[in-house]
């Protein structure tokens, strides 16, 4: 998880990182997050904050990714 956190913190706005399932679970368990509506079937979305940087997390069950949004 520490490697993933470091990688996320280093992302520039608009850049994307693929996430392993266990990292998604850790993020959603350990960090404050808000579920958002996503207009794609079988996809859930969340917004979370890490080190004063905001991210959108998309999870389809097959893959997950985080996008730095600000």
N, C-alpha and C. Protein backbone atom coordinates (compact mmCIF):
# COMPACT_ATOMS: atom_id res chain seq x y z
N UNK A 1 0.82 -1.20 0.00
CA UNK A 1 0.00 0.00 0.00
C UNK A 1 0.86 1.26 0.00
N UNK A 2 2.00 1.25 0.71
CA UNK A 2 2.87 2.44 0.76
C UNK A 2 3.37 2.83 -0.61
N UNK A 3 3.69 1.85 -1.46
CA UNK A 3 4.15 2.14 -2.82
C UNK A 3 3.03 2.80 -3.61
N UNK A 4 1.82 2.30 -3.46
CA UNK A 4 0.68 2.87 -4.16
C UNK A 4 0.42 4.30 -3.69
N UNK A 5 0.47 4.53 -2.39
CA UNK A 5 0.27 5.88 -1.85
C UNK A 5 1.31 6.83 -2.41
N UNK A 6 2.57 6.42 -2.43
CA UNK A 6 3.64 7.26 -2.98
C UNK A 6 3.39 7.57 -4.45
N UNK A 7 2.96 6.56 -5.20
CA UNK A 7 2.68 6.76 -6.63
C UNK A 7 1.51 7.72 -6.84
N UNK A 8 0.48 7.59 -6.02
CA UNK A 8 -0.67 8.49 -6.14
C UNK A 8 -0.28 9.92 -5.81
N UNK A 9 0.48 10.11 -4.76
CA UNK A 9 0.90 11.46 -4.36
C UNK A 9 1.71 12.12 -5.47
N UNK A 10 2.49 11.33 -6.21
CA UNK A 10 3.34 11.87 -7.27
C UNK A 10 2.58 12.18 -8.57
N UNK A 11 1.34 11.73 -8.69
CA UNK A 11 0.58 11.96 -9.93
C UNK A 11 0.32 13.44 -10.15
N UNK A 12 0.37 13.84 -11.41
CA UNK A 12 -0.02 15.19 -11.81
C UNK A 12 -1.52 15.21 -12.06
N UNK A 13 -2.12 16.36 -12.04
CA UNK A 13 -3.55 16.49 -12.30
C UNK A 13 -3.87 15.91 -13.68
N UNK A 14 -4.90 15.05 -13.73
CA UNK A 14 -5.32 14.42 -14.97
C UNK A 14 -4.64 13.10 -15.26
N UNK A 15 -3.62 12.75 -14.50
CA UNK A 15 -2.92 11.48 -14.71
C UNK A 15 -3.64 10.35 -13.98
N UNK A 16 -3.44 9.13 -14.49
CA UNK A 16 -4.18 7.95 -14.03
C UNK A 16 -3.23 6.89 -13.51
N UNK A 17 -3.67 6.16 -12.49
CA UNK A 17 -2.92 5.03 -11.95
C UNK A 17 -3.85 3.84 -11.80
N UNK A 18 -3.45 2.69 -12.34
CA UNK A 18 -4.22 1.46 -12.14
C UNK A 18 -3.98 0.99 -10.71
N UNK A 19 -5.02 0.47 -10.07
CA UNK A 19 -4.93 0.05 -8.67
C UNK A 19 -5.23 -1.44 -8.52
N UNK A 20 -4.48 -2.10 -7.66
CA UNK A 20 -4.76 -3.49 -7.31
C UNK A 20 -5.97 -3.53 -6.38
N UNK A 21 -6.69 -4.64 -6.41
CA UNK A 21 -7.91 -4.77 -5.59
C UNK A 21 -7.67 -4.49 -4.12
N UNK A 22 -6.56 -5.00 -3.57
CA UNK A 22 -6.29 -4.80 -2.15
C UNK A 22 -6.03 -3.33 -1.83
N UNK A 23 -5.46 -2.58 -2.78
CA UNK A 23 -5.24 -1.15 -2.57
C UNK A 23 -6.56 -0.39 -2.56
N UNK A 24 -7.48 -0.79 -3.43
CA UNK A 24 -8.80 -0.16 -3.46
C UNK A 24 -9.49 -0.36 -2.11
N UNK A 25 -9.45 -1.58 -1.62
CA UNK A 25 -10.07 -1.87 -0.32
C UNK A 25 -9.44 -1.03 0.78
N UNK A 26 -8.11 -0.91 0.78
CA UNK A 26 -7.43 -0.10 1.79
C UNK A 26 -7.82 1.37 1.69
N UNK A 27 -7.86 1.90 0.47
CA UNK A 27 -8.21 3.31 0.27
C UNK A 27 -9.62 3.57 0.79
N UNK A 28 -10.57 2.70 0.41
CA UNK A 28 -11.96 2.93 0.80
C UNK A 28 -12.19 2.69 2.28
N UNK A 29 -11.34 1.89 2.91
CA UNK A 29 -11.46 1.62 4.35
C UNK A 29 -10.76 2.69 5.18
N UNK A 30 -9.56 3.10 4.75
CA UNK A 30 -8.71 3.96 5.57
C UNK A 30 -8.86 5.46 5.31
N UNK A 31 -9.33 5.85 4.14
CA UNK A 31 -9.40 7.27 3.80
C UNK A 31 -10.86 7.72 3.70
N UNK A 32 -11.14 8.95 4.12
CA UNK A 32 -12.49 9.47 3.93
C UNK A 32 -12.80 9.50 2.43
N UNK A 33 -14.00 9.08 2.06
CA UNK A 33 -14.37 9.07 0.65
C UNK A 33 -15.86 9.33 0.51
N UNK A 34 -16.24 9.67 -0.70
CA UNK A 34 -17.64 9.95 -1.02
C UNK A 34 -17.98 9.21 -2.30
N UNK A 35 -19.03 8.42 -2.27
CA UNK A 35 -19.45 7.71 -3.48
C UNK A 35 -20.12 8.69 -4.42
N UNK A 36 -19.82 8.57 -5.72
CA UNK A 36 -20.40 9.44 -6.74
C UNK A 36 -21.14 8.59 -7.77
N UNK A 37 -22.06 9.22 -8.47
CA UNK A 37 -22.79 8.54 -9.54
C UNK A 37 -21.92 8.47 -10.78
N UNK A 38 -21.88 7.28 -11.39
CA UNK A 38 -21.13 7.07 -12.62
C UNK A 38 -22.11 6.51 -13.64
N UNK A 39 -22.14 7.08 -14.83
CA UNK A 39 -23.10 6.66 -15.84
C UNK A 39 -22.64 5.48 -16.67
N UNK A 40 -21.97 4.53 -16.04
CA UNK A 40 -21.48 3.34 -16.73
C UNK A 40 -21.97 2.13 -15.94
N UNK A 41 -22.54 1.15 -16.63
CA UNK A 41 -23.04 -0.05 -15.96
C UNK A 41 -21.93 -0.76 -15.19
N UNK A 42 -22.27 -1.30 -14.04
CA UNK A 42 -21.36 -2.11 -13.22
C UNK A 42 -20.09 -1.37 -12.82
N UNK A 43 -20.17 -0.05 -12.67
CA UNK A 43 -19.02 0.75 -12.26
C UNK A 43 -19.43 1.60 -11.06
N UNK A 44 -18.57 1.62 -10.06
CA UNK A 44 -18.79 2.51 -8.92
C UNK A 44 -17.68 3.55 -8.89
N UNK A 45 -18.01 4.72 -8.43
CA UNK A 45 -17.04 5.80 -8.36
C UNK A 45 -16.99 6.41 -6.98
N UNK A 46 -15.82 6.87 -6.60
CA UNK A 46 -15.60 7.49 -5.30
C UNK A 46 -14.65 8.66 -5.48
N UNK A 47 -14.78 9.65 -4.63
CA UNK A 47 -13.81 10.73 -4.54
C UNK A 47 -13.13 10.60 -3.18
N UNK A 48 -11.81 10.69 -3.17
CA UNK A 48 -11.07 10.65 -1.91
C UNK A 48 -9.94 11.66 -1.96
N UNK A 49 -9.44 12.01 -0.77
CA UNK A 49 -8.36 12.98 -0.64
C UNK A 49 -7.17 12.32 0.04
N UNK A 50 -5.98 12.67 -0.46
CA UNK A 50 -4.73 12.14 0.07
C UNK A 50 -3.69 13.24 0.00
N UNK A 51 -3.12 13.64 1.12
CA UNK A 51 -2.11 14.70 1.17
C UNK A 51 -2.58 15.98 0.47
N UNK A 52 -3.80 16.41 0.74
CA UNK A 52 -4.38 17.62 0.16
C UNK A 52 -4.53 17.54 -1.36
N UNK A 53 -4.55 16.34 -1.92
CA UNK A 53 -4.78 16.14 -3.35
C UNK A 53 -6.04 15.29 -3.47
N UNK A 54 -6.88 15.62 -4.45
CA UNK A 54 -8.16 14.90 -4.62
C UNK A 54 -8.07 13.96 -5.82
N UNK A 55 -8.75 12.81 -5.66
CA UNK A 55 -8.72 11.77 -6.68
C UNK A 55 -10.13 11.23 -6.91
N UNK A 56 -10.38 10.76 -8.12
CA UNK A 56 -11.57 9.98 -8.41
C UNK A 56 -11.12 8.54 -8.59
N UNK A 57 -11.81 7.63 -7.93
CA UNK A 57 -11.52 6.20 -8.03
C UNK A 57 -12.69 5.55 -8.77
N UNK A 58 -12.39 4.82 -9.84
CA UNK A 58 -13.40 4.07 -10.58
C UNK A 58 -13.12 2.60 -10.41
N UNK A 59 -14.17 1.84 -10.09
CA UNK A 59 -14.02 0.40 -9.85
C UNK A 59 -15.10 -0.33 -10.65
N UNK A 60 -14.66 -1.25 -11.53
CA UNK A 60 -15.61 -1.99 -12.36
C UNK A 60 -15.77 -3.43 -11.91
N UNK A 61 -14.96 -3.89 -11.00
CA UNK A 61 -14.94 -5.30 -10.64
C UNK A 61 -13.86 -6.03 -11.43
N UNK A 62 -13.57 -5.57 -12.65
CA UNK A 62 -12.49 -6.14 -13.46
C UNK A 62 -11.20 -5.34 -13.30
N UNK A 63 -11.34 -4.06 -13.11
CA UNK A 63 -10.19 -3.18 -12.94
C UNK A 63 -10.61 -1.96 -12.12
N UNK A 64 -9.60 -1.31 -11.57
CA UNK A 64 -9.81 -0.07 -10.81
C UNK A 64 -8.73 0.92 -11.17
N UNK A 65 -9.08 2.18 -11.16
CA UNK A 65 -8.07 3.21 -11.42
C UNK A 65 -8.40 4.45 -10.61
N UNK A 66 -7.36 5.23 -10.40
CA UNK A 66 -7.50 6.51 -9.71
C UNK A 66 -7.00 7.60 -10.64
N UNK A 67 -7.73 8.71 -10.68
CA UNK A 67 -7.36 9.87 -11.49
C UNK A 67 -7.21 11.05 -10.54
N UNK A 68 -6.07 11.72 -10.62
CA UNK A 68 -5.91 12.93 -9.79
C UNK A 68 -6.72 14.04 -10.42
N UNK A 69 -7.60 14.66 -9.62
CA UNK A 69 -8.48 15.70 -10.16
C UNK A 69 -8.12 17.11 -9.68
N UNK A 70 -7.36 17.24 -8.61
CA UNK A 70 -6.86 18.56 -8.19
C UNK A 70 -5.88 18.40 -7.05
